[in-house]
Amino acid sequence: MRYVDGFVVPVPKKNLQAYRRMAQKAGKIWKEHGALEYIECIGDDVKPGKLTSFPQSVKLKPDEIVVFSWIVYKSRAQRDRINKKVMADPRLASMMDPKSVPFDSKRMFYGGFKTLVEL
């Protein structure tokens, strides 16, 4: 079954176009190295919850929007091989400097997921 890396990122609304440009470049790199899909979505219906929510998970500020993203691979083994290549790619390194990314990387969270149901 396929394997997915998921990400949630707080992005200042004023930086959304810069984030989009960065994500498009990053997505091309992941796809060049073999990822099956690369998806980036901006929050549209993500209200704060009573206990937890997307906005609460990243301590969303009023001038920010939540971005929910995922990358799909054939398997965990393929993901590990692809990510090793992507992380060594100088194009990605130049984009992902924490001082220059258009979001607060300290409040981003991510993880790898095994597929449970795939229809």
Protein backbone atom coordinates (compact mmCIF):
# COMPACT_ATOMS: atom_id res chain seq x y z
CA MET A 1 0.00 0.00 0.00
CA ARG A 2 1.04 3.58 -0.58
CA TYR A 3 2.82 5.73 2.01
CA VAL A 4 2.08 9.39 2.79
CA ASP A 5 4.05 12.22 4.38
CA GLY A 6 1.68 14.85 5.81
CA PHE A 7 2.41 18.45 6.83
CA VAL A 8 0.53 21.30 8.54
CA VAL A 9 2.06 24.78 8.24
CA PRO A 10 1.01 28.28 9.40
CA VAL A 11 1.63 30.75 6.57
CA PRO A 12 1.23 34.53 6.87
CA LYS A 13 -1.44 35.60 4.37
CA LYS A 14 0.94 38.23 2.98
CA ASN A 15 3.42 35.42 2.16
CA LEU A 16 0.95 33.09 0.47
CA GLN A 17 2.18 33.77 -3.08
CA ALA A 18 5.81 33.30 -2.01
CA TYR A 19 4.79 30.05 -0.29
CA ARG A 20 2.99 28.91 -3.46
CA ARG A 21 6.11 29.57 -5.56
CA MET A 22 8.29 27.68 -3.07
CA ALA A 23 5.80 24.76 -2.93
CA GLN A 24 5.62 24.52 -6.72
CA LYS A 25 9.42 24.30 -6.94
CA ALA A 26 9.61 21.80 -4.07
CA GLY A 27 6.82 19.69 -5.57
CA LYS A 28 8.67 19.47 -8.88
CA ILE A 29 11.77 18.26 -7.05
CA TRP A 30 9.85 15.57 -5.16
CA LYS A 31 8.12 14.43 -8.35
CA GLU A 32 11.43 14.36 -10.29
CA HIS A 33 12.82 12.03 -7.63
CA GLY A 34 9.79 9.70 -7.83
CA ALA A 35 6.94 10.90 -5.59
CA LEU A 36 3.55 9.93 -7.01
CA GLU A 37 1.66 13.03 -5.81
CA TYR A 38 2.49 16.35 -4.18
CA ILE A 39 -0.50 18.32 -2.85
CA GLU A 40 -0.65 21.68 -1.00
CA CYS A 41 -4.02 23.02 0.24
CA ILE A 42 -4.96 26.24 2.04
CA GLY A 43 -7.51 26.29 4.83
CA ASP A 44 -11.05 27.13 3.76
CA ASP A 45 -13.23 25.66 6.52
CA VAL A 46 -10.89 25.19 9.50
CA LYS A 47 -12.52 26.79 12.52
CA PRO A 48 -10.87 26.66 15.94
CA GLY A 49 -12.16 23.75 17.99
CA LYS A 50 -13.00 23.39 21.66
CA LEU A 51 -10.21 20.90 22.35
CA THR A 52 -8.06 20.85 19.20
CA SER A 53 -8.12 21.89 15.56
CA PHE A 54 -5.83 22.78 12.67
CA PRO A 55 -5.61 26.45 13.81
CA GLN A 56 -4.83 25.44 17.38
CA SER A 57 -2.27 22.84 16.32
CA VAL A 58 -0.02 25.52 14.79
CA LYS A 59 -1.00 28.37 17.16
CA LEU A 60 -2.45 30.21 14.17
CA LYS A 61 -2.27 34.00 14.33
CA PRO A 62 -5.05 36.25 12.91
CA ASP A 63 -2.95 37.22 9.88
CA GLU A 64 -2.10 33.58 8.95
CA ILE A 65 -3.71 30.73 7.07
CA VAL A 66 -3.29 26.98 7.63
CA VAL A 67 -1.68 24.97 4.84
CA PHE A 68 -2.30 21.21 4.82
CA SER A 69 -0.01 19.22 2.51
CA TRP A 70 0.89 15.68 1.63
CA ILE A 71 3.24 13.71 -0.57
CA VAL A 72 2.32 10.22 -1.79
CA TYR A 73 4.79 7.40 -2.44
CA LYS A 74 4.48 3.76 -3.56
CA SER A 75 5.84 2.52 -0.22
CA ARG A 76 7.75 3.51 2.91
CA ALA A 77 10.96 2.15 1.35
CA GLN A 78 10.42 4.28 -1.75
CA ARG A 79 9.67 7.32 0.43
CA ASP A 80 12.92 6.83 2.33
CA ARG A 81 14.92 6.57 -0.93
CA ILE A 82 13.19 9.60 -2.47
CA ASN A 83 13.54 11.78 0.62
CA LYS A 84 17.25 10.98 0.84
CA LYS A 85 17.66 12.21 -2.75
CA VAL A 86 15.43 15.25 -2.19
CA MET A 87 17.28 16.30 0.97
CA ALA A 88 20.60 16.06 -0.93
CA ASP A 89 19.25 18.12 -3.84
CA PRO A 90 20.88 21.58 -3.72
CA ARG A 91 17.75 23.19 -5.20
CA LEU A 92 15.74 22.23 -2.11
CA ALA A 93 18.48 23.22 0.34
CA SER A 94 18.56 26.73 -1.10
CA MET A 95 14.76 27.08 -0.69
CA MET A 96 14.43 25.63 2.81
CA ASP A 97 16.77 27.85 4.81
CA PRO A 98 14.73 28.55 8.00
CA LYS A 99 15.72 32.22 7.79
CA SER A 100 14.22 32.68 4.33
CA VAL A 101 11.15 30.39 4.14
CA PRO A 102 7.84 32.31 3.95
CA PHE A 103 6.40 30.64 7.09
CA ASP A 104 7.28 29.91 10.73
CA SER A 105 8.99 26.52 10.45
CA LYS A 106 9.03 26.13 14.26
CA ARG A 107 5.24 25.76 14.25
CA MET A 108 5.10 23.35 11.31
CA PHE A 109 4.45 19.70 12.06
CA TYR A 110 4.68 16.61 9.89
CA GLY A 111 4.81 12.84 9.93
CA GLY A 112 4.81 9.68 7.83
CA PHE A 113 1.69 7.53 7.55
CA LYS A 114 0.94 3.97 6.45
CA THR A 115 -2.20 3.63 4.34
CA LEU A 116 -5.09 2.11 6.28
CA VAL A 117 -7.86 2.34 3.65
CA GLU A 118 -7.40 3.08 -0.04
CA LEU A 119 -10.43 3.02 -2.33
